Amino acid sequence: MKSKIVSVLITGAVCLAAAGCGGGKSGGDHAGAEPKPAATVLSQRLDQPPAMPDEKAEPSPAADASFSENLEYELRRKTRAMAGAAGSITAECPKDVQSENGTQTTCKTTFEGLQVEWDVRIGEKSLFSTVKYTATPRQGILTRDGVARLLYGNYKGSIDYALCNDIPKAVLAPLGSPSKYGCDVVMKGEKPSGFAQPVRATDSGPRYY
């Protein structure tokens, strides 16, 4: 009986720390205070992108597919979710990887030619021969369309457009950390604020905070 694969979702918590102010009386002289950054209107306008193509466009592996082929299929799906956009995706895992509990291996995927390595650990099998696994990318992928879908989804009905600082069609980015790209969401009836928030790559798609 062939083993099915189920990903184990690990949710990371984001902690925000607030810095306290020092004691003592505040004087009226603010000569030592740092100047506020100047507002800059960003040049790249992101309009609402088309809907994502149906994920079912890629058929599931055949019933007699190897465990490696099933794992590659799962990682292609994960890469698509991370990018939040349609594109050319490939995956490659060692052909001899086994579905035994505790097995660790490294697989590679590409999105539009950008390569990401994944640390994969195989877990236990269920009563129905479903194999659990975790797959952690070593870096992330940001896409222009993925960021646009995120912003228009988060601010649905109130966003007019978004201004960003030249996000490429697809680019590698640190995972979970602020990237060098940011956006300013412009609401209907309002003008750009001139201040951008960073966008981040995560294993489940771009984030904006």
N, C-alpha and C. Protein backbone atom coordinates (compact mmCIF):
# COMPACT_ATOMS: atom_id res chain seq x y z
N MET A 1 0.85 -1.20 0.00
CA MET A 1 0.00 0.00 0.00
C MET A 1 0.88 1.25 0.00
N LYS A 2 0.62 2.18 -0.91
CA LYS A 2 1.40 3.40 -0.99
C LYS A 2 1.06 4.33 0.17
N SER A 3 2.06 5.06 0.63
CA SER A 3 1.87 5.97 1.76
C SER A 3 1.49 7.35 1.27
N LYS A 4 0.46 7.91 1.86
CA LYS A 4 0.10 9.29 1.59
C LYS A 4 0.92 10.20 2.50
N ILE A 5 0.98 11.47 2.16
CA ILE A 5 1.81 12.41 2.91
C ILE A 5 0.94 13.51 3.47
N VAL A 6 1.16 13.84 4.73
CA VAL A 6 0.44 14.94 5.37
C VAL A 6 1.46 15.85 6.03
N SER A 7 1.39 17.12 5.74
CA SER A 7 2.30 18.08 6.34
C SER A 7 1.87 18.41 7.76
N VAL A 8 2.83 18.56 8.65
CA VAL A 8 2.56 18.98 10.02
C VAL A 8 2.73 20.49 10.09
N LEU A 9 1.67 21.20 10.43
CA LEU A 9 1.71 22.66 10.46
C LEU A 9 2.28 23.12 11.79
N ILE A 10 3.33 23.93 11.72
CA ILE A 10 3.94 24.51 12.91
C ILE A 10 3.72 26.01 12.85
N THR A 11 2.98 26.54 13.81
CA THR A 11 2.65 27.95 13.82
C THR A 11 3.64 28.71 14.68
N GLY A 12 4.26 29.72 14.12
CA GLY A 12 5.20 30.54 14.86
C GLY A 12 4.51 31.74 15.45
N ALA A 13 4.88 32.11 16.66
CA ALA A 13 4.28 33.27 17.31
C ALA A 13 5.16 34.48 17.08
N VAL A 14 4.55 35.62 16.83
CA VAL A 14 5.28 36.86 16.64
C VAL A 14 5.11 37.70 17.89
N CYS A 15 6.21 38.06 18.51
CA CYS A 15 6.17 38.85 19.74
C CYS A 15 6.57 40.28 19.43
N LEU A 16 5.83 41.23 19.98
CA LEU A 16 6.14 42.64 19.81
C LEU A 16 6.52 43.20 21.17
N ALA A 17 7.70 43.76 21.25
CA ALA A 17 8.17 44.30 22.52
C ALA A 17 8.08 45.82 22.48
N ALA A 18 7.54 46.40 23.53
CA ALA A 18 7.44 47.85 23.62
C ALA A 18 8.55 48.36 24.51
N ALA A 19 9.29 49.34 24.05
CA ALA A 19 10.39 49.90 24.84
C ALA A 19 9.85 50.92 25.81
N GLY A 20 10.25 50.83 27.06
CA GLY A 20 9.79 51.77 28.07
C GLY A 20 10.60 53.06 28.02
N CYS A 21 10.03 54.13 28.58
CA CYS A 21 10.72 55.41 28.61
C CYS A 21 11.45 55.56 29.92
N GLY A 22 12.55 56.26 29.90
CA GLY A 22 13.32 56.48 31.12
C GLY A 22 12.61 57.42 32.06
N GLY A 23 12.97 57.35 33.33
CA GLY A 23 12.34 58.20 34.33
C GLY A 23 12.90 59.60 34.29
N GLY A 24 12.39 60.43 35.15
CA GLY A 24 12.86 61.81 35.22
C GLY A 24 11.94 62.74 34.49
N LYS A 25 12.08 64.02 34.78
CA LYS A 25 11.23 65.01 34.15
C LYS A 25 11.68 65.28 32.73
N SER A 26 10.72 65.56 31.91
CA SER A 26 11.02 65.85 30.51
C SER A 26 11.16 67.35 30.34
N GLY A 27 12.27 67.75 29.77
CA GLY A 27 12.48 69.17 29.55
C GLY A 27 11.85 69.61 28.25
N GLY A 28 11.75 70.88 28.04
CA GLY A 28 11.15 71.41 26.83
C GLY A 28 12.10 71.42 25.66
N ASP A 29 13.40 71.14 25.92
CA ASP A 29 14.39 71.19 24.85
C ASP A 29 14.49 69.84 24.18
N HIS A 30 14.13 69.73 22.90
CA HIS A 30 14.18 68.48 22.16
C HIS A 30 15.34 68.46 21.17
N ALA A 31 16.38 69.22 21.49
CA ALA A 31 17.50 69.33 20.55
C ALA A 31 18.17 67.99 20.33
N GLY A 32 18.11 67.10 21.37
CA GLY A 32 18.78 65.81 21.24
C GLY A 32 17.95 64.75 20.56
N ALA A 33 16.69 65.04 20.25
CA ALA A 33 15.81 64.04 19.64
C ALA A 33 16.19 63.81 18.19
N GLU A 34 16.05 62.55 17.75
CA GLU A 34 16.36 62.23 16.36
C GLU A 34 15.26 62.77 15.44
N PRO A 35 15.63 63.30 14.29
CA PRO A 35 14.61 63.82 13.37
C PRO A 35 13.78 62.68 12.79
N LYS A 36 12.50 62.95 12.56
CA LYS A 36 11.62 61.95 11.97
C LYS A 36 11.98 61.76 10.50
N PRO A 37 11.87 60.52 10.00
CA PRO A 37 12.19 60.30 8.58
C PRO A 37 11.20 61.04 7.68
N ALA A 38 11.71 61.52 6.57
CA ALA A 38 10.87 62.26 5.63
C ALA A 38 9.98 61.29 4.86
N ALA A 39 8.76 61.74 4.58
CA ALA A 39 7.83 60.91 3.81
C ALA A 39 8.28 60.86 2.35
N THR A 40 8.17 59.68 1.75
CA THR A 40 8.54 59.49 0.35
C THR A 40 7.44 58.71 -0.36
N VAL A 41 6.88 59.29 -1.40
CA VAL A 41 5.84 58.59 -2.17
C VAL A 41 6.52 57.56 -3.06
N LEU A 42 6.15 56.30 -2.89
CA LEU A 42 6.79 55.21 -3.64
C LEU A 42 6.30 55.19 -5.08
N SER A 43 7.14 54.66 -5.96
CA SER A 43 6.90 54.80 -7.40
C SER A 43 6.13 53.64 -8.04
N GLN A 44 6.16 52.46 -7.41
CA GLN A 44 5.54 51.28 -8.04
C GLN A 44 4.10 51.12 -7.58
N ARG A 45 3.18 51.23 -8.49
CA ARG A 45 1.76 51.08 -8.16
C ARG A 45 1.33 49.64 -8.39
N LEU A 46 0.69 49.05 -7.38
CA LEU A 46 0.16 47.69 -7.50
C LEU A 46 -1.36 47.77 -7.56
N ASP A 47 -1.91 47.36 -8.69
CA ASP A 47 -3.36 47.25 -8.81
C ASP A 47 -3.77 45.81 -8.49
N GLN A 48 -5.05 45.59 -8.37
CA GLN A 48 -5.54 44.26 -7.99
C GLN A 48 -5.19 43.23 -9.06
N PRO A 49 -4.50 42.15 -8.69
CA PRO A 49 -4.12 41.13 -9.67
C PRO A 49 -5.28 40.19 -9.96
N PRO A 50 -5.19 39.43 -11.04
CA PRO A 50 -6.23 38.43 -11.32
C PRO A 50 -6.20 37.32 -10.28
N ALA A 51 -7.27 36.56 -10.22
CA ALA A 51 -7.35 35.45 -9.27
C ALA A 51 -6.29 34.40 -9.59
N MET A 52 -5.85 33.70 -8.56
CA MET A 52 -4.87 32.62 -8.75
C MET A 52 -5.49 31.50 -9.59
N PRO A 53 -4.72 30.92 -10.51
CA PRO A 53 -5.23 29.76 -11.25
C PRO A 53 -5.54 28.61 -10.30
N ASP A 54 -6.44 27.75 -10.73
CA ASP A 54 -6.85 26.61 -9.92
C ASP A 54 -5.65 25.70 -9.64
N GLU A 55 -5.44 25.40 -8.36
CA GLU A 55 -4.32 24.55 -7.97
C GLU A 55 -4.44 23.14 -8.55
N LYS A 56 -5.66 22.73 -8.88
CA LYS A 56 -5.88 21.39 -9.41
C LYS A 56 -5.37 21.23 -10.83
N ALA A 57 -4.81 22.33 -11.38
CA ALA A 57 -4.26 22.24 -12.74
C ALA A 57 -3.12 21.23 -12.79
N GLU A 58 -2.42 21.03 -11.65
CA GLU A 58 -1.36 20.03 -11.60
C GLU A 58 -1.93 18.75 -10.98
N PRO A 59 -1.98 17.67 -11.73
CA PRO A 59 -2.58 16.44 -11.21
C PRO A 59 -1.75 15.84 -10.08
N SER A 60 -2.41 15.10 -9.20
CA SER A 60 -1.72 14.40 -8.12
C SER A 60 -0.86 13.28 -8.70
N PRO A 61 0.15 12.83 -7.95
CA PRO A 61 0.98 11.72 -8.43
C PRO A 61 0.15 10.47 -8.66
N ALA A 62 0.62 9.63 -9.56
CA ALA A 62 -0.07 8.38 -9.86
C ALA A 62 -0.08 7.47 -8.63
N ALA A 63 -0.98 6.51 -8.63
CA ALA A 63 -1.13 5.61 -7.49
C ALA A 63 0.16 4.83 -7.21
N ASP A 64 0.95 4.56 -8.25
CA ASP A 64 2.18 3.80 -8.07
C ASP A 64 3.41 4.69 -7.99
N ALA A 65 3.22 6.01 -7.74
CA ALA A 65 4.35 6.93 -7.65
C ALA A 65 5.20 6.61 -6.43
N SER A 66 6.49 6.88 -6.53
CA SER A 66 7.40 6.63 -5.42
C SER A 66 7.18 7.65 -4.31
N PHE A 67 7.72 7.36 -3.12
CA PHE A 67 7.60 8.31 -2.02
C PHE A 67 8.28 9.63 -2.37
N SER A 68 9.41 9.55 -3.06
CA SER A 68 10.12 10.76 -3.48
C SER A 68 9.24 11.62 -4.39
N GLU A 69 8.53 11.00 -5.32
CA GLU A 69 7.65 11.75 -6.23
C GLU A 69 6.50 12.41 -5.47
N ASN A 70 5.95 11.70 -4.48
CA ASN A 70 4.89 12.28 -3.67
C ASN A 70 5.40 13.47 -2.86
N LEU A 71 6.61 13.34 -2.33
CA LEU A 71 7.19 14.43 -1.55
C LEU A 71 7.47 15.65 -2.44
N GLU A 72 7.94 15.41 -3.64
CA GLU A 72 8.18 16.51 -4.58
C GLU A 72 6.89 17.24 -4.92
N TYR A 73 5.81 16.49 -5.08
CA TYR A 73 4.51 17.10 -5.37
C TYR A 73 4.09 18.01 -4.22
N GLU A 74 4.25 17.54 -2.98
CA GLU A 74 3.88 18.34 -1.82
C GLU A 74 4.71 19.62 -1.73
N LEU A 75 5.99 19.53 -2.04
CA LEU A 75 6.86 20.70 -1.96
C LEU A 75 6.58 21.70 -3.08
N ARG A 76 6.14 21.23 -4.23
CA ARG A 76 5.71 22.16 -5.27
C ARG A 76 4.50 22.96 -4.80
N ARG A 77 3.58 22.29 -4.12
CA ARG A 77 2.40 22.98 -3.57
C ARG A 77 2.82 24.01 -2.52
N LYS A 78 3.76 23.64 -1.66
CA LYS A 78 4.23 24.56 -0.63
C LYS A 78 4.96 25.76 -1.24
N THR A 79 5.72 25.52 -2.29
CA THR A 79 6.43 26.62 -2.95
C THR A 79 5.44 27.59 -3.58
N ARG A 80 4.39 27.06 -4.18
CA ARG A 80 3.35 27.91 -4.77
C ARG A 80 2.68 28.77 -3.69
N ALA A 81 2.40 28.16 -2.54
CA ALA A 81 1.77 28.91 -1.45
C ALA A 81 2.71 29.99 -0.92
N MET A 82 4.00 29.68 -0.81
CA MET A 82 4.96 30.66 -0.33
C MET A 82 5.05 31.85 -1.27
N ALA A 83 5.04 31.59 -2.58
CA ALA A 83 5.13 32.67 -3.56
C ALA A 83 3.83 33.45 -3.66
N GLY A 84 2.70 32.78 -3.42
CA GLY A 84 1.41 33.45 -3.56
C GLY A 84 1.11 33.87 -4.98
N ALA A 85 1.73 33.17 -5.93
CA ALA A 85 1.58 33.55 -7.33
C ALA A 85 1.78 32.33 -8.21
N ALA A 86 1.27 32.42 -9.42
CA ALA A 86 1.49 31.35 -10.39
C ALA A 86 2.85 31.53 -11.05
N GLY A 87 3.47 30.42 -11.41
CA GLY A 87 4.77 30.49 -12.06
C GLY A 87 5.30 29.10 -12.32
N SER A 88 6.46 29.03 -12.95
CA SER A 88 7.10 27.75 -13.23
C SER A 88 7.74 27.21 -11.95
N ILE A 89 7.30 26.01 -11.52
CA ILE A 89 7.78 25.44 -10.26
C ILE A 89 8.31 24.03 -10.52
N THR A 90 9.48 23.75 -9.94
CA THR A 90 10.04 22.40 -9.99
C THR A 90 10.41 21.97 -8.58
N ALA A 91 10.55 20.67 -8.38
CA ALA A 91 10.98 20.13 -7.08
C ALA A 91 11.84 18.90 -7.32
N GLU A 92 12.83 18.72 -6.46
CA GLU A 92 13.72 17.57 -6.57
C GLU A 92 14.10 17.08 -5.18
N CYS A 93 13.81 15.80 -4.92
CA CYS A 93 14.20 15.15 -3.67
C CYS A 93 15.05 13.92 -4.01
N PRO A 94 15.87 13.46 -3.07
CA PRO A 94 16.64 12.24 -3.33
C PRO A 94 15.72 11.08 -3.71
N LYS A 95 16.07 10.36 -4.74
CA LYS A 95 15.22 9.28 -5.23
C LYS A 95 15.09 8.15 -4.21
N ASP A 96 16.10 8.01 -3.34
CA ASP A 96 16.07 6.89 -2.40
C ASP A 96 15.55 7.28 -1.02
N VAL A 97 14.94 8.47 -0.89
CA VAL A 97 14.42 8.87 0.42
C VAL A 97 13.32 7.91 0.86
N GLN A 98 13.37 7.54 2.14
CA GLN A 98 12.43 6.56 2.68
C GLN A 98 11.37 7.23 3.54
N SER A 99 10.24 6.56 3.69
CA SER A 99 9.13 7.10 4.49
C SER A 99 9.20 6.64 5.94
N GLU A 100 10.41 6.33 6.42
CA GLU A 100 10.57 5.86 7.79
C GLU A 100 10.60 7.03 8.76
N ASN A 101 9.99 6.84 9.93
CA ASN A 101 9.97 7.87 10.97
C ASN A 101 11.39 8.27 11.35
N GLY A 102 11.66 9.58 11.37
CA GLY A 102 12.97 10.08 11.75
C GLY A 102 13.90 10.36 10.58
N THR A 103 13.51 9.95 9.38
CA THR A 103 14.34 10.22 8.20
C THR A 103 14.45 11.72 7.97
N GLN A 104 15.66 12.19 7.70
CA GLN A 104 15.89 13.60 7.39
C GLN A 104 16.58 13.71 6.04
N THR A 105 16.17 14.69 5.27
CA THR A 105 16.76 14.87 3.95
C THR A 105 16.62 16.33 3.53
N THR A 106 17.28 16.68 2.45
CA THR A 106 17.20 18.02 1.88
C THR A 106 16.64 17.93 0.47
N CYS A 107 15.61 18.71 0.20
CA CYS A 107 15.03 18.79 -1.14
C CYS A 107 15.21 20.20 -1.68
N LYS A 108 15.06 20.34 -2.99
CA LYS A 108 15.20 21.64 -3.63
C LYS A 108 13.96 21.92 -4.48
N THR A 109 13.49 23.15 -4.41
CA THR A 109 12.43 23.58 -5.32
C THR A 109 12.89 24.86 -6.02
N THR A 110 12.28 25.14 -7.16
CA THR A 110 12.53 26.41 -7.83
C THR A 110 11.20 27.06 -8.18
N PHE A 111 11.19 28.38 -8.13
CA PHE A 111 10.05 29.17 -8.60
C PHE A 111 10.61 30.20 -9.57
N GLU A 112 10.21 30.09 -10.83
CA GLU A 112 10.72 30.99 -11.87
C GLU A 112 12.25 31.05 -11.84
N GLY A 113 12.88 29.89 -11.61
CA GLY A 113 14.33 29.79 -11.61
C GLY A 113 15.00 30.10 -10.29
N LEU A 114 14.26 30.61 -9.30
CA LEU A 114 14.83 30.91 -7.98
C LEU A 114 14.82 29.64 -7.13
N GLN A 115 15.97 29.23 -6.64
CA GLN A 115 16.08 27.95 -5.93
C GLN A 115 15.99 28.13 -4.42
N VAL A 116 15.22 27.25 -3.79
CA VAL A 116 15.08 27.22 -2.34
C VAL A 116 15.34 25.79 -1.86
N GLU A 117 16.17 25.65 -0.83
CA GLU A 117 16.40 24.35 -0.22
C GLU A 117 15.47 24.17 0.98
N TRP A 118 14.98 22.95 1.15
CA TRP A 118 14.05 22.62 2.23
C TRP A 118 14.65 21.53 3.11
N ASP A 119 14.60 21.73 4.41
CA ASP A 119 14.98 20.69 5.37
C ASP A 119 13.73 19.89 5.70
N VAL A 120 13.75 18.62 5.35
CA VAL A 120 12.57 17.76 5.48
C VAL A 120 12.83 16.69 6.54
N ARG A 121 11.86 16.50 7.41
CA ARG A 121 11.93 15.43 8.41
C ARG A 121 10.65 14.60 8.32
N ILE A 122 10.81 13.31 8.18
CA ILE A 122 9.68 12.40 8.07
C ILE A 122 9.23 11.97 9.46
N GLY A 123 7.91 11.98 9.66
CA GLY A 123 7.35 11.62 10.96
C GLY A 123 6.69 10.25 10.93
N GLU A 124 5.70 10.08 11.81
CA GLU A 124 5.05 8.79 11.97
C GLU A 124 4.01 8.55 10.89
N LYS A 125 3.65 7.29 10.74
CA LYS A 125 2.56 6.90 9.85
C LYS A 125 1.29 6.70 10.66
N SER A 126 0.17 7.05 10.04
CA SER A 126 -1.11 6.82 10.70
C SER A 126 -1.62 5.42 10.37
N LEU A 127 -2.80 5.10 10.90
CA LEU A 127 -3.40 3.80 10.63
C LEU A 127 -3.73 3.61 9.16
N PHE A 128 -3.87 4.74 8.44
CA PHE A 128 -4.23 4.66 7.02
C PHE A 128 -3.01 4.88 6.13
N SER A 129 -1.82 4.63 6.66
CA SER A 129 -0.56 4.75 5.92
C SER A 129 -0.29 6.17 5.44
N THR A 130 -0.85 7.16 6.14
CA THR A 130 -0.54 8.56 5.84
C THR A 130 0.72 8.95 6.59
N VAL A 131 1.69 9.51 5.89
CA VAL A 131 2.97 9.87 6.48
C VAL A 131 2.98 11.36 6.84
N LYS A 132 3.29 11.65 8.09
CA LYS A 132 3.43 13.04 8.51
C LYS A 132 4.86 13.50 8.22
N TYR A 133 5.01 14.79 7.95
CA TYR A 133 6.35 15.31 7.71
C TYR A 133 6.37 16.81 7.99
N THR A 134 7.55 17.35 8.22
CA THR A 134 7.74 18.79 8.30
C THR A 134 8.74 19.18 7.23
N ALA A 135 8.54 20.34 6.62
CA ALA A 135 9.44 20.84 5.59
C ALA A 135 9.66 22.33 5.84
N THR A 136 10.90 22.71 6.10
CA THR A 136 11.22 24.10 6.44
C THR A 136 12.14 24.69 5.38
N PRO A 137 11.71 25.74 4.70
CA PRO A 137 12.58 26.36 3.69
C PRO A 137 13.70 27.15 4.35
N ARG A 138 14.87 27.17 3.74
CA ARG A 138 16.00 27.90 4.29
C ARG A 138 15.95 29.39 3.96
N GLN A 139 15.15 29.77 2.98
CA GLN A 139 14.89 31.17 2.69
C GLN A 139 13.53 31.26 2.01
N GLY A 140 13.06 32.49 1.84
CA GLY A 140 11.72 32.67 1.30
C GLY A 140 11.73 33.25 -0.10
N ILE A 141 10.54 33.32 -0.67
CA ILE A 141 10.33 33.92 -1.98
C ILE A 141 9.24 34.98 -1.86
N LEU A 142 9.52 36.17 -2.38
CA LEU A 142 8.51 37.22 -2.48
C LEU A 142 8.18 37.43 -3.95
N THR A 143 6.91 37.65 -4.24
CA THR A 143 6.51 37.96 -5.61
C THR A 143 5.64 39.21 -5.61
N ARG A 144 5.71 39.95 -6.69
CA ARG A 144 4.91 41.16 -6.82
C ARG A 144 3.42 40.84 -6.77
N ASP A 145 3.00 39.80 -7.50
CA ASP A 145 1.58 39.43 -7.49
C ASP A 145 1.15 38.90 -6.13
N GLY A 146 2.05 38.17 -5.46
CA GLY A 146 1.71 37.64 -4.14
C GLY A 146 1.47 38.75 -3.13
N VAL A 147 2.31 39.78 -3.16
CA VAL A 147 2.13 40.92 -2.26
C VAL A 147 0.83 41.64 -2.59
N ALA A 148 0.56 41.83 -3.88
CA ALA A 148 -0.67 42.52 -4.28
C ALA A 148 -1.90 41.74 -3.81
N ARG A 149 -1.89 40.41 -3.96
CA ARG A 149 -3.04 39.61 -3.52
C ARG A 149 -3.23 39.72 -2.01
N LEU A 150 -2.12 39.75 -1.28
CA LEU A 150 -2.21 39.89 0.17
C LEU A 150 -2.86 41.21 0.55
N LEU A 151 -2.40 42.31 -0.03
CA LEU A 151 -2.90 43.63 0.34
C LEU A 151 -4.36 43.82 -0.06
N TYR A 152 -4.71 43.40 -1.27
CA TYR A 152 -6.10 43.55 -1.71
C TYR A 152 -7.03 42.58 -0.97
N GLY A 153 -6.48 41.49 -0.46
CA GLY A 153 -7.28 40.58 0.35
C GLY A 153 -7.48 41.11 1.76
N ASN A 154 -6.40 41.66 2.35
CA ASN A 154 -6.48 42.18 3.72
C ASN A 154 -7.37 43.41 3.82
N TYR A 155 -7.32 44.26 2.80
CA TYR A 155 -8.05 45.53 2.83
C TYR A 155 -9.19 45.55 1.81
N LYS A 156 -9.78 44.40 1.61
CA LYS A 156 -10.84 44.25 0.61
C LYS A 156 -11.97 45.25 0.85
N GLY A 157 -12.34 45.96 -0.21
CA GLY A 157 -13.44 46.90 -0.12
C GLY A 157 -13.04 48.30 0.29
N SER A 158 -11.84 48.46 0.88
CA SER A 158 -11.43 49.79 1.34
C SER A 158 -10.16 50.28 0.66
N ILE A 159 -9.37 49.38 0.08
CA ILE A 159 -8.13 49.78 -0.58
C ILE A 159 -8.43 50.36 -1.96
N ASP A 160 -7.74 51.44 -2.30
CA ASP A 160 -7.82 52.00 -3.65
C ASP A 160 -6.69 51.41 -4.50
N TYR A 161 -5.47 51.50 -3.97
CA TYR A 161 -4.31 50.90 -4.63
C TYR A 161 -3.18 50.85 -3.61
N ALA A 162 -2.06 50.27 -3.99
CA ALA A 162 -0.89 50.20 -3.12
C ALA A 162 0.32 50.72 -3.87
N LEU A 163 1.19 51.40 -3.14
CA LEU A 163 2.46 51.87 -3.69
C LEU A 163 3.60 51.12 -3.01
N CYS A 164 4.53 50.60 -3.80
CA CYS A 164 5.64 49.83 -3.25
C CYS A 164 6.96 50.30 -3.87
N ASN A 165 8.07 49.78 -3.35
CA ASN A 165 9.38 50.21 -3.84
C ASN A 165 9.99 49.17 -4.77
N ASP A 166 9.35 49.02 -5.91
CA ASP A 166 9.90 48.20 -7.01
C ASP A 166 10.13 46.74 -6.63
N ILE A 167 9.09 46.08 -6.14
CA ILE A 167 9.17 44.65 -5.87
C ILE A 167 9.28 43.92 -7.21
N PRO A 168 10.28 43.05 -7.39
CA PRO A 168 10.40 42.32 -8.66
C PRO A 168 9.27 41.31 -8.84
N LYS A 169 9.20 40.75 -10.03
CA LYS A 169 8.21 39.70 -10.28
C LYS A 169 8.39 38.56 -9.29
N ALA A 170 9.63 38.20 -9.00
CA ALA A 170 9.94 37.18 -7.98
C ALA A 170 11.36 37.42 -7.51
N VAL A 171 11.57 37.26 -6.19
CA VAL A 171 12.90 37.50 -5.63
C VAL A 171 13.05 36.68 -4.35
N LEU A 172 14.26 36.21 -4.08
CA LEU A 172 14.54 35.52 -2.82
C LEU A 172 14.61 36.55 -1.70
N ALA A 173 14.15 36.16 -0.51
CA ALA A 173 14.12 37.08 0.63
C ALA A 173 14.31 36.28 1.91
N PRO A 174 14.82 36.93 2.98
CA PRO A 174 14.94 36.22 4.25
C PRO A 174 13.58 35.76 4.75
N LEU A 175 13.56 34.62 5.40
CA LEU A 175 12.30 34.04 5.85
C LEU A 175 11.88 34.64 7.18
N GLY A 176 10.69 35.25 7.22
CA GLY A 176 10.12 35.75 8.46
C GLY A 176 10.66 37.08 8.93
N SER A 177 11.65 37.65 8.24
CA SER A 177 12.24 38.93 8.63
C SER A 177 11.82 40.02 7.66
N PRO A 178 11.87 41.29 8.10
CA PRO A 178 11.53 42.37 7.16
C PRO A 178 12.46 42.33 5.94
N SER A 179 11.88 42.39 4.77
CA SER A 179 12.69 42.44 3.55
C SER A 179 13.04 43.89 3.25
N LYS A 180 13.79 44.10 2.19
CA LYS A 180 14.12 45.48 1.81
C LYS A 180 12.99 46.13 1.02
N TYR A 181 11.88 45.40 0.86
CA TYR A 181 10.74 45.93 0.12
C TYR A 181 9.63 46.33 1.08
N GLY A 182 8.92 47.39 0.72
CA GLY A 182 7.82 47.86 1.56
C GLY A 182 6.72 48.46 0.71
N CYS A 183 5.55 48.63 1.32
CA CYS A 183 4.39 49.16 0.59
C CYS A 183 3.62 50.15 1.46
N ASP A 184 2.93 51.04 0.79
CA ASP A 184 2.04 52.02 1.42
C ASP A 184 0.65 51.78 0.85
N VAL A 185 -0.27 51.31 1.69
CA VAL A 185 -1.63 51.03 1.24
C VAL A 185 -2.43 52.33 1.24
N VAL A 186 -2.99 52.67 0.09
CA VAL A 186 -3.76 53.91 -0.05
C VAL A 186 -5.25 53.55 -0.07
N MET A 187 -5.97 54.05 0.93
CA MET A 187 -7.40 53.76 1.03
C MET A 187 -8.20 54.67 0.10
N LYS A 188 -9.41 54.24 -0.20
CA LYS A 188 -10.28 55.02 -1.08
C LYS A 188 -10.53 56.41 -0.50
N GLY A 189 -10.37 57.42 -1.34
CA GLY A 189 -10.60 58.79 -0.91
C GLY A 189 -9.43 59.41 -0.17
N GLU A 190 -8.34 58.68 -0.01
CA GLU A 190 -7.18 59.20 0.70
C GLU A 190 -5.98 59.33 -0.23
N LYS A 191 -4.95 60.00 0.28
CA LYS A 191 -3.71 60.18 -0.47
C LYS A 191 -2.62 59.31 0.16
N PRO A 192 -1.55 59.02 -0.59
CA PRO A 192 -0.45 58.23 -0.02
C PRO A 192 0.12 58.89 1.23
N SER A 193 0.45 58.07 2.22
CA SER A 193 1.03 58.61 3.46
C SER A 193 2.51 58.93 3.29
N GLY A 194 3.15 58.25 2.34
CA GLY A 194 4.58 58.44 2.15
C GLY A 194 5.43 57.58 3.06
N PHE A 195 4.79 56.74 3.87
CA PHE A 195 5.53 55.86 4.77
C PHE A 195 5.15 54.41 4.47
N ALA A 196 6.15 53.58 4.24
CA ALA A 196 5.91 52.19 3.85
C ALA A 196 6.12 51.25 5.02
N GLN A 197 5.33 50.19 5.05
CA GLN A 197 5.57 49.09 5.97
C GLN A 197 6.29 47.98 5.21
N PRO A 198 7.19 47.26 5.87
CA PRO A 198 7.92 46.20 5.17
C PRO A 198 7.03 45.01 4.86
N VAL A 199 7.37 44.31 3.79
CA VAL A 199 6.73 43.03 3.49
C VAL A 199 7.74 41.94 3.81
N ARG A 200 7.23 40.78 4.20
CA ARG A 200 8.07 39.66 4.63
C ARG A 200 7.68 38.40 3.88
N ALA A 201 8.64 37.54 3.67
CA ALA A 201 8.37 36.23 3.09
C ALA A 201 8.20 35.23 4.23
N THR A 202 7.14 34.42 4.16
CA THR A 202 6.96 33.32 5.10
C THR A 202 6.69 32.06 4.29
N ASP A 203 6.71 30.91 4.96
CA ASP A 203 6.50 29.66 4.22
C ASP A 203 5.05 29.49 3.78
N SER A 204 4.16 30.37 4.23
CA SER A 204 2.76 30.29 3.82
C SER A 204 2.32 31.50 3.00
N GLY A 205 3.27 32.31 2.55
CA GLY A 205 2.94 33.46 1.72
C GLY A 205 3.47 34.76 2.29
N PRO A 206 3.39 35.85 1.52
CA PRO A 206 3.90 37.14 2.01
C PRO A 206 3.07 37.68 3.16
N ARG A 207 3.70 38.51 3.99
CA ARG A 207 3.03 39.17 5.10
C ARG A 207 3.42 40.64 5.10
N TYR A 208 2.56 41.47 5.70
CA TYR A 208 2.73 42.93 5.66
C TYR A 208 2.57 43.47 7.07
N TYR A 209 3.71 43.73 7.74
CA TYR A 209 3.68 44.34 9.07
C TYR A 209 5.08 44.78 9.46
